[in-house]
Amino acid sequence: MKRREFIALVGGAAVAWPLGAQAQQPAMPVIGYLSPTSFGLLSERLRGLHQGLKEVGYIVGENVAIEYR
């Protein structure tokens, strides 16, 4: 291996190393909401669920997701 190739290899590794060492972002928690009734009939309950989550620091779409089924 020639000197220039070695320097290019070490320089490339030095630049790429911090990019690979970054921590992964934590996954967003997902709440599953199962109900046999239609979505429109649940508006009052869902409003209460969203309010309760907001009171403990969870904002739907920002730091928590809800899957409706």
PDB file of N, CA and C in Angstrom:
ATOM      1  N   MET A   1       0.855  -1.171   0.000  1.00  0.00           N
ATOM      2  CA  MET A   1       0.000   0.000   0.000  1.00  0.00           C
ATOM      3  C   MET A   1       0.899   1.231   0.000  1.00  0.00           C
ATOM      4  N   LYS A   2       0.619   2.146  -0.872  1.00  0.00           N
ATOM      5  CA  LYS A   2       1.407   3.369  -0.975  1.00  0.00           C
ATOM      6  C   LYS A   2       0.974   4.366   0.095  1.00  0.00           C
ATOM      7  N   ARG A   3       1.841   5.329   0.315  1.00  0.00           N
ATOM      8  CA  ARG A   3       1.617   6.311   1.364  1.00  0.00           C
ATOM      9  C   ARG A   3       0.326   7.099   1.125  1.00  0.00           C
ATOM     10  N   ARG A   4       0.051   7.527  -0.090  1.00  0.00           N
ATOM     11  CA  ARG A   4      -1.149   8.313  -0.393  1.00  0.00           C
ATOM     12  C   ARG A   4      -2.416   7.486  -0.179  1.00  0.00           C
ATOM     13  N   GLU A   5      -2.386   6.230  -0.555  1.00  0.00           N
ATOM     14  CA  GLU A   5      -3.543   5.361  -0.348  1.00  0.00           C
ATOM     15  C   GLU A   5      -3.818   5.175   1.141  1.00  0.00           C
ATOM     16  N   PHE A   6      -2.741   5.011   1.907  1.00  0.00           N
ATOM     17  CA  PHE A   6      -2.886   4.839   3.349  1.00  0.00           C
ATOM     18  C   PHE A   6      -3.493   6.089   3.992  1.00  0.00           C
ATOM     19  N   ILE A   7      -2.976   7.255   3.610  1.00  0.00           N
ATOM     20  CA  ILE A   7      -3.485   8.511   4.170  1.00  0.00           C
ATOM     21  C   ILE A   7      -4.958   8.704   3.788  1.00  0.00           C
ATOM     22  N   ALA A   8      -5.321   8.378   2.546  1.00  0.00           N
ATOM     23  CA  ALA A   8      -6.713   8.497   2.114  1.00  0.00           C
ATOM     24  C   ALA A   8      -7.599   7.540   2.901  1.00  0.00           C
ATOM     25  N   LEU A   9      -7.132   6.327   3.149  1.00  0.00           N
ATOM     26  CA  LEU A   9      -7.899   5.344   3.912  1.00  0.00           C
ATOM     27  C   LEU A   9      -8.112   5.795   5.355  1.00  0.00           C
ATOM     28  N   VAL A  10      -7.052   6.250   5.994  1.00  0.00           N
ATOM     29  CA  VAL A  10      -7.156   6.708   7.387  1.00  0.00           C
ATOM     30  C   VAL A  10      -8.019   7.971   7.469  1.00  0.00           C
ATOM     31  N   GLY A  11      -7.860   8.885   6.521  1.00  0.00           N
ATOM     32  CA  GLY A  11      -8.659  10.113   6.511  1.00  0.00           C
ATOM     33  C   GLY A  11     -10.137   9.821   6.292  1.00  0.00           C
ATOM     34  N   GLY A  12     -10.433   8.890   5.397  1.00  0.00           N
ATOM     35  CA  GLY A  12     -11.827   8.514   5.160  1.00  0.00           C
ATOM     36  C   GLY A  12     -12.458   7.849   6.366  1.00  0.00           C
ATOM     37  N   ALA A  13     -11.687   7.017   7.041  1.00  0.00           N
ATOM     38  CA  ALA A  13     -12.203   6.353   8.242  1.00  0.00           C
ATOM     39  C   ALA A  13     -12.433   7.362   9.363  1.00  0.00           C
ATOM     40  N   ALA A  14     -11.556   8.353   9.479  1.00  0.00           N
ATOM     41  CA  ALA A  14     -11.696   9.372  10.523  1.00  0.00           C
ATOM     42  C   ALA A  14     -12.939  10.227  10.304  1.00  0.00           C
ATOM     43  N   VAL A  15     -13.285  10.472   9.039  1.00  0.00           N
ATOM     44  CA  VAL A  15     -14.473  11.270   8.732  1.00  0.00           C
ATOM     45  C   VAL A  15     -15.740  10.446   8.943  1.00  0.00           C
ATOM     46  N   ALA A  16     -15.724   9.175   8.563  1.00  0.00           N
ATOM     47  CA  ALA A  16     -16.916   8.333   8.637  1.00  0.00           C
ATOM     48  C   ALA A  16     -17.173   7.800  10.045  1.00  0.00           C
ATOM     49  N   TRP A  17     -16.177   7.715  10.887  1.00  0.00           N
ATOM     50  CA  TRP A  17     -16.341   7.110  12.208  1.00  0.00           C
ATOM     51  C   TRP A  17     -17.373   7.822  13.085  1.00  0.00           C
ATOM     52  N   PRO A  18     -17.361   9.153  13.208  1.00  0.00           N
ATOM     53  CA  PRO A  18     -18.380   9.792  14.059  1.00  0.00           C
ATOM     54  C   PRO A  18     -19.802   9.593  13.549  1.00  0.00           C
ATOM     55  N   LEU A  19     -19.978   9.462  12.248  1.00  0.00           N
ATOM     56  CA  LEU A  19     -21.327   9.261  11.704  1.00  0.00           C
ATOM     57  C   LEU A  19     -21.894   7.914  12.114  1.00  0.00           C
ATOM     58  N   GLY A  20     -21.054   6.889  12.145  1.00  0.00           N
ATOM     59  CA  GLY A  20     -21.500   5.557  12.531  1.00  0.00           C
ATOM     60  C   GLY A  20     -21.650   5.389  14.027  1.00  0.00           C
ATOM     61  N   ALA A  21     -21.041   6.271  14.804  1.00  0.00           N
ATOM     62  CA  ALA A  21     -21.061   6.138  16.259  1.00  0.00           C
ATOM     63  C   ALA A  21     -22.237   6.844  16.918  1.00  0.00           C
ATOM     64  N   GLN A  22     -23.065   7.531  16.160  1.00  0.00           N
ATOM     65  CA  GLN A  22     -24.193   8.236  16.750  1.00  0.00           C
ATOM     66  C   GLN A  22     -25.225   7.245  17.284  1.00  0.00           C
ATOM     67  N   ALA A  23     -25.868   7.648  18.364  1.00  0.00           N
ATOM     68  CA  ALA A  23     -26.891   6.795  18.967  1.00  0.00           C
ATOM     69  C   ALA A  23     -28.155   6.806  18.118  1.00  0.00           C
ATOM     70  N   GLN A  24     -28.869   5.715  18.129  1.00  0.00           N
ATOM     71  CA  GLN A  24     -30.128   5.637  17.405  1.00  0.00           C
ATOM     72  C   GLN A  24     -31.204   6.390  18.175  1.00  0.00           C
ATOM     73  N   GLN A  25     -32.158   6.941  17.440  1.00  0.00           N
ATOM     74  CA  GLN A  25     -33.276   7.628  18.066  1.00  0.00           C
ATOM     75  C   GLN A  25     -34.207   6.597  18.702  1.00  0.00           C
ATOM     76  N   PRO A  26     -34.681   6.858  19.904  1.00  0.00           N
ATOM     77  CA  PRO A  26     -35.612   5.913  20.516  1.00  0.00           C
ATOM     78  C   PRO A  26     -36.915   5.851  19.728  1.00  0.00           C
ATOM     79  N   ALA A  27     -37.494   4.676  19.680  1.00  0.00           N
ATOM     80  CA  ALA A  27     -38.743   4.491  18.948  1.00  0.00           C
ATOM     81  C   ALA A  27     -39.886   5.203  19.666  1.00  0.00           C
ATOM     82  N   MET A  28     -40.811   5.740  18.888  1.00  0.00           N
ATOM     83  CA  MET A  28     -41.971   6.411  19.456  1.00  0.00           C
ATOM     84  C   MET A  28     -42.934   5.357  19.998  1.00  0.00           C
ATOM     85  N   PRO A  29     -43.392   5.507  21.250  1.00  0.00           N
ATOM     86  CA  PRO A  29     -44.351   4.539  21.780  1.00  0.00           C
ATOM     87  C   PRO A  29     -45.677   4.600  21.020  1.00  0.00           C
ATOM     88  N   VAL A  30     -46.302   3.442  20.876  1.00  0.00           N
ATOM     89  CA  VAL A  30     -47.574   3.348  20.154  1.00  0.00           C
ATOM     90  C   VAL A  30     -48.631   2.770  21.090  1.00  0.00           C
ATOM     91  N   ILE A  31     -49.786   3.433  21.147  1.00  0.00           N
ATOM     92  CA  ILE A  31     -50.918   2.963  21.943  1.00  0.00           C
ATOM     93  C   ILE A  31     -51.928   2.369  20.974  1.00  0.00           C
ATOM     94  N   GLY A  32     -52.384   1.172  21.241  1.00  0.00           N
ATOM     95  CA  GLY A  32     -53.412   0.548  20.422  1.00  0.00           C
ATOM     96  C   GLY A  32     -54.775   0.766  21.055  1.00  0.00           C
ATOM     97  N   TYR A  33     -55.731   1.291  20.280  1.00  0.00           N
ATOM     98  CA  TYR A  33     -57.085   1.547  20.781  1.00  0.00           C
ATOM     99  C   TYR A  33     -58.046   0.675  19.996  1.00  0.00           C
ATOM    100  N   LEU A  34     -58.575  -0.340  20.657  1.00  0.00           N
ATOM    101  CA  LEU A  34     -59.506  -1.278  20.028  1.00  0.00           C
ATOM    102  C   LEU A  34     -60.927  -0.991  20.498  1.00  0.00           C
ATOM    103  N   SER A  35     -61.863  -0.905  19.554  1.00  0.00           N
ATOM    104  CA  SER A  35     -63.245  -0.642  19.920  1.00  0.00           C
ATOM    105  C   SER A  35     -64.172  -1.230  18.858  1.00  0.00           C
ATOM    106  N   PRO A  36     -65.282  -1.854  19.279  1.00  0.00           N
ATOM    107  CA  PRO A  36     -66.220  -2.399  18.306  1.00  0.00           C
ATOM    108  C   PRO A  36     -67.141  -1.335  17.700  1.00  0.00           C
ATOM    109  N   THR A  37     -67.185  -0.144  18.291  1.00  0.00           N
ATOM    110  CA  THR A  37     -68.060   0.915  17.775  1.00  0.00           C
ATOM    111  C   THR A  37     -67.326   1.762  16.745  1.00  0.00           C
ATOM    112  N   SER A  38     -68.088   2.556  15.998  1.00  0.00           N
ATOM    113  CA  SER A  38     -67.478   3.381  14.956  1.00  0.00           C
ATOM    114  C   SER A  38     -66.680   4.528  15.573  1.00  0.00           C
ATOM    115  N   PHE A  39     -65.771   5.040  14.783  1.00  0.00           N
ATOM    116  CA  PHE A  39     -64.863   6.090  15.239  1.00  0.00           C
ATOM    117  C   PHE A  39     -65.614   7.358  15.639  1.00  0.00           C
ATOM    118  N   GLY A  40     -66.666   7.708  14.906  1.00  0.00           N
ATOM    119  CA  GLY A  40     -67.429   8.920  15.185  1.00  0.00           C
ATOM    120  C   GLY A  40     -68.133   8.903  16.540  1.00  0.00           C
ATOM    121  N   LEU A  41     -68.548   7.744  17.006  1.00  0.00           N
ATOM    122  CA  LEU A  41     -69.243   7.642  18.294  1.00  0.00           C
ATOM    123  C   LEU A  41     -68.296   7.743  19.484  1.00  0.00           C
ATOM    124  N   LEU A  42     -67.015   7.698  19.243  1.00  0.00           N
ATOM    125  CA  LEU A  42     -66.043   7.691  20.330  1.00  0.00           C
ATOM    126  C   LEU A  42     -65.410   9.054  20.589  1.00  0.00           C
ATOM    127  N   SER A  43     -65.909  10.108  19.980  1.00  0.00           N
ATOM    128  CA  SER A  43     -65.232  11.404  20.054  1.00  0.00           C
ATOM    129  C   SER A  43     -65.027  11.888  21.489  1.00  0.00           C
ATOM    130  N   GLU A  44     -66.031  11.723  22.360  1.00  0.00           N
ATOM    131  CA  GLU A  44     -65.896  12.167  23.750  1.00  0.00           C
ATOM    132  C   GLU A  44     -64.833  11.359  24.495  1.00  0.00           C
ATOM    133  N   ARG A  45     -64.839  10.051  24.305  1.00  0.00           N
ATOM    134  CA  ARG A  45     -63.832   9.207  24.954  1.00  0.00           C
ATOM    135  C   ARG A  45     -62.428   9.533  24.458  1.00  0.00           C
ATOM    136  N   LEU A  46     -62.316   9.720  23.147  1.00  0.00           N
ATOM    137  CA  LEU A  46     -61.004  10.010  22.580  1.00  0.00           C
ATOM    138  C   LEU A  46     -60.496  11.376  23.025  1.00  0.00           C
ATOM    139  N   ARG A  47     -61.396  12.323  23.161  1.00  0.00           N
ATOM    140  CA  ARG A  47     -61.000  13.636  23.679  1.00  0.00           C
ATOM    141  C   ARG A  47     -60.452  13.489  25.093  1.00  0.00           C
ATOM    142  N   GLY A  48     -61.098  12.656  25.906  1.00  0.00           N
ATOM    143  CA  GLY A  48     -60.610  12.407  27.255  1.00  0.00           C
ATOM    144  C   GLY A  48     -59.264  11.691  27.258  1.00  0.00           C
ATOM    145  N   LEU A  49     -59.104  10.747  26.348  1.00  0.00           N
ATOM    146  CA  LEU A  49     -57.822  10.037  26.241  1.00  0.00           C
ATOM    147  C   LEU A  49     -56.701  11.003  25.879  1.00  0.00           C
ATOM    148  N   HIS A  50     -56.942  11.855  24.894  1.00  0.00           N
ATOM    149  CA  HIS A  50     -55.930  12.827  24.473  1.00  0.00           C
ATOM    150  C   HIS A  50     -55.606  13.803  25.602  1.00  0.00           C
ATOM    151  N   GLN A  51     -56.634  14.241  26.336  1.00  0.00           N
ATOM    152  CA  GLN A  51     -56.416  15.166  27.450  1.00  0.00           C
ATOM    153  C   GLN A  51     -55.599  14.499  28.555  1.00  0.00           C
ATOM    154  N   GLY A  52     -55.930  13.251  28.872  1.00  0.00           N
ATOM    155  CA  GLY A  52     -55.178  12.529  29.898  1.00  0.00           C
ATOM    156  C   GLY A  52     -53.729  12.314  29.505  1.00  0.00           C
ATOM    157  N   LEU A  53     -53.503  11.993  28.249  1.00  0.00           N
ATOM    158  CA  LEU A  53     -52.122  11.835  27.775  1.00  0.00           C
ATOM    159  C   LEU A  53     -51.363  13.153  27.859  1.00  0.00           C
ATOM    160  N   LYS A  54     -52.048  14.249  27.502  1.00  0.00           N
ATOM    161  CA  LYS A  54     -51.404  15.563  27.545  1.00  0.00           C
ATOM    162  C   LYS A  54     -51.016  15.938  28.973  1.00  0.00           C
ATOM    163  N   GLU A  55     -51.859  15.567  29.940  1.00  0.00           N
ATOM    164  CA  GLU A  55     -51.581  15.886  31.341  1.00  0.00           C
ATOM    165  C   GLU A  55     -50.324  15.203  31.853  1.00  0.00           C
ATOM    166  N   VAL A  56     -50.000  14.048  31.311  1.00  0.00           N
ATOM    167  CA  VAL A  56     -48.784  13.336  31.760  1.00  0.00           C
ATOM    168  C   VAL A  56     -47.614  13.548  30.811  1.00  0.00           C
ATOM    169  N   GLY A  57     -47.764  14.461  29.846  1.00  0.00           N
ATOM    170  CA  GLY A  57     -46.634  14.848  29.016  1.00  0.00           C
ATOM    171  C   GLY A  57     -46.544  14.209  27.646  1.00  0.00           C
ATOM    172  N   TYR A  58     -47.576  13.485  27.233  1.00  0.00           N
ATOM    173  CA  TYR A  58     -47.567  12.864  25.913  1.00  0.00           C
ATOM    174  C   TYR A  58     -48.462  13.659  24.969  1.00  0.00           C
ATOM    175  N   ILE A  59     -47.929  14.015  23.824  1.00  0.00           N
ATOM    176  CA  ILE A  59     -48.686  14.733  22.808  1.00  0.00           C
ATOM    177  C   ILE A  59     -48.750  13.841  21.577  1.00  0.00           C
ATOM    178  N   VAL A  60     -49.967  13.515  21.161  1.00  0.00           N
ATOM    179  CA  VAL A  60     -50.169  12.610  20.035  1.00  0.00           C
ATOM    180  C   VAL A  60     -49.543  13.210  18.777  1.00  0.00           C
ATOM    181  N   GLY A  61     -48.727  12.401  18.124  1.00  0.00           N
ATOM    182  CA  GLY A  61     -48.050  12.839  16.913  1.00  0.00           C
ATOM    183  C   GLY A  61     -46.660  13.390  17.153  1.00  0.00           C
ATOM    184  N   GLU A  62     -46.366  13.809  18.374  1.00  0.00           N
ATOM    185  CA  GLU A  62     -45.040  14.341  18.702  1.00  0.00           C
ATOM    186  C   GLU A  62     -44.188  13.304  19.429  1.00  0.00           C
ATOM    187  N   ASN A  63     -44.726  12.745  20.524  1.00  0.00           N
ATOM    188  CA  ASN A  63     -43.935  11.785  21.282  1.00  0.00           C
ATOM    189  C   ASN A  63     -44.715  10.500  21.610  1.00  0.00           C
ATOM    190  N   VAL A  64     -45.892  10.346  21.011  1.00  0.00           N
ATOM    191  CA  VAL A  64     -46.668   9.112  21.145  1.00  0.00           C
ATOM    192  C   VAL A  64     -47.590   9.003  19.928  1.00  0.00           C
ATOM    193  N   ALA A  65     -47.840   7.782  19.512  1.00  0.00           N
ATOM    194  CA  ALA A  65     -48.749   7.533  18.375  1.00  0.00           C
ATOM    195  C   ALA A  65     -49.885   6.635  18.850  1.00  0.00           C
ATOM    196  N   ILE A  66     -51.067   6.810  18.253  1.00  0.00           N
ATOM    197  CA  ILE A  66     -52.221   5.981  18.598  1.00  0.00           C
ATOM    198  C   ILE A  66     -52.699   5.298  17.338  1.00  0.00           C
ATOM    199  N   GLU A  67     -52.857   3.986  17.419  1.00  0.00           N
ATOM    200  CA  GLU A  67     -53.397   3.176  16.318  1.00  0.00           C
ATOM    201  C   GLU A  67     -54.838   2.823  16.666  1.00  0.00           C
ATOM    202  N   TYR A  68     -55.769   3.246  15.844  1.00  0.00           N
ATOM    203  CA  TYR A  68     -57.194   2.985  16.082  1.00  0.00           C
ATOM    204  C   TYR A  68     -57.631   1.788  15.243  1.00  0.00           C
ATOM    205  N   ARG A  69     -58.354   0.859  15.844  1.00  0.00           N
ATOM    206  CA  ARG A  69     -58.907  -0.303  15.133  1.00  0.00           C
ATOM    207  C   ARG A  69     -60.298  -0.554  15.631  1.00  0.00           C
TER     208      ARG A  69
END
